[in-house]
């Protein structure tokens, strides 16, 4: 029951947070559109639908906040629909990714290495886009609620803020140096989660791990090319 109450309180009267979720889905949709010229199946309109639904929910929640509505029976209908469409869009996006990689591999007769290279590049950019989406979500929340004053924070709060800043810096670094950025994200989130016990932030650590995996896959791919030469 506590988890349900936490989910309700996460977005109730918080239109800025909801707008951040909308940005996450919209970034994913347009990111897939950019890659569509290389991967014909690499698209998912459900991500756009999810982004628009969350954007509309943000406007609706802003209205509810301005009217001070505190009895929210409507959320028992809104949340299941939102979660179903959102989770479904993510699953379809993953399925489209796998199908597009398989299709390209079949089309490349004798070009397995080329297909593999494109797959790694596409996966790498997806990981980077997910990191940027999380960064934008944090920035939207910070702008909406106002950044904290570091000089007025207690020692524990300052430690958490520094850990989060290390993680966000890692997201930016990963755009150019995935190993360095990934390690920074993992280190920052291990410190943050270890102190705050807020496990919802595991997504940041996961993106860090995936950045390290992308770096390793690229090194592995480069090693294979050198061996062939």
Protein backbone atom coordinates (compact mmCIF):
# COMPACT_ATOMS: atom_id res chain seq x y z
CA UNK A 1 0.00 0.00 0.00
CA UNK A 2 2.91 2.35 0.75
CA UNK A 3 4.24 1.95 -2.79
CA UNK A 4 0.83 2.89 -4.24
CA UNK A 5 0.63 5.97 -2.02
CA UNK A 6 4.18 6.88 -3.04
CA UNK A 7 3.27 6.59 -6.74
CA UNK A 8 0.25 8.83 -6.26
CA UNK A 9 2.20 11.44 -4.31
CA UNK A 10 5.00 11.43 -6.91
CA UNK A 11 2.85 13.21 -9.52
CA UNK A 12 -0.15 14.67 -7.67
CA UNK A 13 0.11 18.47 -7.88
CA UNK A 14 3.50 18.13 -9.58
CA UNK A 15 2.90 19.13 -13.24
CA UNK A 16 6.60 19.85 -13.75
CA UNK A 17 7.57 16.26 -12.91
CA UNK A 18 4.90 14.99 -15.28
CA UNK A 19 6.23 17.27 -18.02
CA UNK A 20 9.67 15.75 -17.43
CA UNK A 21 8.29 12.25 -18.07
CA UNK A 22 6.67 13.59 -21.24
CA UNK A 23 10.07 14.91 -22.37
CA UNK A 24 11.59 11.48 -21.79
CA UNK A 25 9.16 9.79 -24.18
CA UNK A 26 9.34 12.58 -26.77
CA UNK A 27 13.16 12.47 -26.79
CA UNK A 28 12.95 8.70 -27.30
CA UNK A 29 10.51 9.09 -30.20
CA UNK A 30 12.52 11.75 -32.05
CA UNK A 31 15.75 9.84 -31.35
CA UNK A 32 14.27 6.79 -33.07
CA UNK A 33 13.11 8.94 -35.95
CA UNK A 34 16.66 10.21 -36.47
CA UNK A 35 17.96 6.65 -36.68
CA UNK A 36 15.16 5.52 -38.98
CA UNK A 37 17.15 6.18 -42.17
CA UNK A 38 19.64 3.49 -41.18
CA UNK A 39 17.21 1.16 -39.47
CA UNK A 40 13.87 1.08 -41.35
CA UNK A 41 12.00 -0.71 -38.55
CA UNK A 42 13.58 1.47 -35.88
CA UNK A 43 10.54 3.57 -35.00
CA UNK A 44 7.72 3.58 -32.50
CA UNK A 45 4.78 5.96 -32.69
CA UNK A 46 3.59 4.71 -29.30
CA UNK A 47 6.43 6.71 -27.74
CA UNK A 48 4.92 9.84 -29.28
CA UNK A 49 1.47 8.84 -27.99
CA UNK A 50 2.91 8.32 -24.50
CA UNK A 51 4.71 11.68 -24.63
CA UNK A 52 1.54 13.52 -25.67
CA UNK A 53 -0.55 11.74 -23.01
CA UNK A 54 1.91 12.71 -20.28
CA UNK A 55 1.97 16.29 -21.60
CA UNK A 56 -1.83 16.46 -21.43
CA UNK A 57 -1.72 14.95 -17.95
CA UNK A 58 0.75 17.69 -16.96
CA UNK A 59 -1.71 20.39 -18.08
CA UNK A 60 -4.56 18.62 -16.31
CA UNK A 61 -2.55 18.30 -13.09
CA UNK A 62 -1.61 21.99 -13.27
CA UNK A 63 -5.34 22.79 -13.42
CA UNK A 64 -6.06 20.48 -10.45
CA UNK A 65 -3.28 22.12 -8.46
CA UNK A 66 -4.57 25.62 -9.22
CA UNK A 67 -8.07 24.56 -8.11
CA UNK A 68 -6.67 22.76 -5.02
CA UNK A 69 -8.46 19.48 -5.75
CA UNK A 70 -7.54 17.05 -2.96
CA UNK A 71 -9.97 14.18 -3.63
CA UNK A 72 -8.59 12.47 -6.72
CA UNK A 73 -10.72 9.49 -7.65
CA UNK A 74 -9.88 10.29 -11.29
CA UNK A 75 -6.34 9.01 -10.79
CA UNK A 76 -7.63 5.44 -10.42
CA UNK A 77 -8.53 5.69 -14.11
CA UNK A 78 -5.70 7.92 -15.33
CA UNK A 79 -2.78 5.99 -13.80
CA UNK A 80 -3.64 2.53 -15.21
CA UNK A 81 -4.12 3.97 -18.71
CA UNK A 82 -0.90 6.00 -18.54
CA UNK A 83 1.18 3.14 -17.15
CA UNK A 84 -0.21 0.62 -19.64
CA UNK A 85 0.50 2.81 -22.66
CA UNK A 86 3.92 3.89 -21.32
CA UNK A 87 5.14 0.38 -20.50
CA UNK A 88 3.71 -0.91 -23.78
CA UNK A 89 5.50 1.78 -25.79
CA UNK A 90 8.84 0.94 -24.17
CA UNK A 91 8.38 -2.79 -24.84
CA UNK A 92 7.41 -2.12 -28.46
CA UNK A 93 10.43 0.16 -28.86
CA UNK A 94 12.76 -2.61 -27.62
CA UNK A 95 11.07 -5.12 -29.94
CA UNK A 96 11.46 -2.75 -32.90
CA UNK A 97 15.14 -2.31 -32.05
CA UNK A 98 15.73 -6.06 -32.08
CA UNK A 99 13.76 -6.52 -35.31
CA UNK A 100 15.60 -3.70 -37.06
CA UNK A 101 18.99 -5.11 -36.10
CA UNK A 102 17.95 -8.56 -37.29
CA UNK A 103 16.56 -7.18 -40.55
CA UNK A 104 19.74 -5.27 -41.30
CA UNK A 105 21.80 -8.34 -40.52
CA UNK A 106 19.77 -10.36 -43.03
CA UNK A 107 20.10 -7.67 -45.71
CA UNK A 108 23.85 -7.44 -45.32
CA UNK A 109 24.88 -10.56 -47.22
CA UNK A 110 28.35 -11.32 -45.98
CA UNK A 111 28.39 -8.06 -44.04
CA UNK A 112 27.88 -9.36 -40.52
CA UNK A 113 30.62 -7.17 -39.11
CA UNK A 114 29.07 -4.08 -40.67
CA UNK A 115 25.65 -4.93 -39.27
CA UNK A 116 27.16 -5.56 -35.85
CA UNK A 117 28.93 -2.21 -35.97
CA UNK A 118 25.70 -0.38 -36.81
CA UNK A 119 23.92 -2.23 -34.02
CA UNK A 120 26.51 -1.16 -31.46
CA UNK A 121 26.37 2.45 -32.66
CA UNK A 122 22.56 2.49 -32.50
CA UNK A 123 22.55 0.98 -29.03
CA UNK A 124 25.20 3.46 -27.91
CA UNK A 125 23.14 6.41 -29.08
CA UNK A 126 20.03 5.02 -27.43
CA UNK A 127 21.90 4.83 -24.12
CA UNK A 128 23.16 8.39 -24.54
CA UNK A 129 19.64 9.61 -25.40
CA UNK A 130 18.24 7.91 -22.29
CA UNK A 131 20.90 9.62 -20.18
CA UNK A 132 20.10 13.02 -21.68
CA UNK A 133 16.38 12.42 -21.04
CA UNK A 134 17.11 11.74 -17.35
CA UNK A 135 19.29 14.85 -17.22
CA UNK A 136 16.48 16.95 -18.71
CA UNK A 137 14.03 15.47 -16.21
CA UNK A 138 16.24 16.53 -13.28
CA UNK A 139 16.73 20.01 -14.76
CA UNK A 140 12.99 20.47 -15.32
CA UNK A 141 12.28 19.49 -11.71
CA UNK A 142 15.09 21.73 -10.42
CA UNK A 143 13.82 24.72 -12.42
CA UNK A 144 10.21 24.08 -11.37
CA UNK A 145 10.92 23.69 -7.65
CA UNK A 146 14.01 25.88 -7.46
CA UNK A 147 17.59 24.65 -6.87
CA UNK A 148 18.71 24.25 -3.24
CA UNK A 149 21.09 26.70 -1.60
CA UNK A 150 24.27 24.68 -0.87
CA UNK A 151 25.23 27.02 1.98
CA UNK A 152 22.02 26.21 3.87
CA UNK A 153 22.19 22.43 3.47
CA UNK A 154 23.11 20.00 6.21
CA UNK A 155 26.11 17.72 5.74
CA UNK A 156 23.99 14.76 4.58
CA UNK A 157 21.99 16.89 2.13
CA UNK A 158 25.20 18.41 0.74
CA UNK A 159 26.65 14.92 0.25
CA UNK A 160 23.53 13.85 -1.68
CA UNK A 161 23.64 16.96 -3.84
CA UNK A 162 27.32 16.41 -4.71
CA UNK A 163 26.62 12.75 -5.53
CA UNK A 164 23.79 13.77 -7.85
CA UNK A 165 25.98 16.41 -9.52
CA UNK A 166 28.68 13.79 -10.13
CA UNK A 167 26.04 11.59 -11.77
CA UNK A 168 24.71 14.40 -13.97
CA UNK A 169 28.27 15.34 -14.95
CA UNK A 170 28.79 11.72 -15.92
CA UNK A 171 25.80 11.90 -18.29
CA UNK A 172 27.40 14.85 -20.10
CA UNK A 173 30.85 13.19 -20.19
CA UNK A 174 29.34 9.99 -21.61
CA UNK A 175 28.33 11.87 -24.76
CA UNK A 176 32.04 11.88 -25.71
CA UNK A 177 33.79 9.46 -23.30
CA UNK A 178 31.42 6.65 -22.40
CA UNK A 179 33.79 4.82 -20.06
CA UNK A 180 34.60 7.92 -18.01
CA UNK A 181 30.98 9.10 -17.99
CA UNK A 182 29.64 5.65 -17.13
CA UNK A 183 32.03 5.22 -14.20
CA UNK A 184 31.13 8.70 -12.90
CA UNK A 185 27.41 7.88 -13.08
CA UNK A 186 27.86 4.57 -11.27
CA UNK A 187 30.03 6.11 -8.56
CA UNK A 188 27.66 9.03 -8.04
CA UNK A 189 24.57 6.83 -7.79
CA UNK A 190 26.19 4.23 -5.52
CA UNK A 191 26.96 7.05 -3.10
CA UNK A 192 23.53 8.66 -3.54
CA UNK A 193 21.44 5.49 -3.19
CA UNK A 194 23.63 4.16 -0.39
CA UNK A 195 22.94 7.27 1.68
CA UNK A 196 19.36 8.11 0.69
CA UNK A 197 17.98 4.56 0.21
CA UNK A 198 15.84 5.96 -2.63
CA UNK A 199 15.99 3.03 -5.03
CA UNK A 200 14.04 4.84 -7.74
CA UNK A 201 17.37 6.39 -8.78
CA UNK A 202 18.67 3.00 -9.92
CA UNK A 203 17.84 4.11 -13.47
CA UNK A 204 20.80 6.52 -13.40
CA UNK A 205 23.15 3.74 -12.31
CA UNK A 206 21.75 1.46 -15.03
CA UNK A 207 22.49 4.06 -17.71
CA UNK A 208 26.03 4.27 -16.31
CA UNK A 209 26.48 0.50 -16.58
CA UNK A 210 25.11 0.51 -20.14
CA UNK A 211 27.59 3.25 -21.11
CA UNK A 212 30.45 1.08 -19.86
CA UNK A 213 29.01 -1.88 -21.78
CA UNK A 214 28.86 0.24 -24.97
CA UNK A 215 32.50 1.25 -24.52
CA UNK A 216 33.50 -2.39 -24.07
CA UNK A 217 31.52 -3.48 -27.16
CA UNK A 218 33.20 -0.79 -29.26
CA UNK A 219 36.64 -1.89 -28.04
CA UNK A 220 35.75 -5.50 -28.82
CA UNK A 221 34.55 -4.54 -32.29
CA UNK A 222 37.72 -2.53 -32.96
CA UNK A 223 39.83 -5.50 -31.84
CA UNK A 224 38.08 -7.79 -34.31
CA UNK A 225 38.69 -5.38 -37.17
CA UNK A 226 42.42 -5.19 -36.33
CA UNK A 227 42.69 -8.99 -36.21
CA UNK A 228 41.16 -9.26 -39.69
CA UNK A 229 43.62 -6.74 -41.10
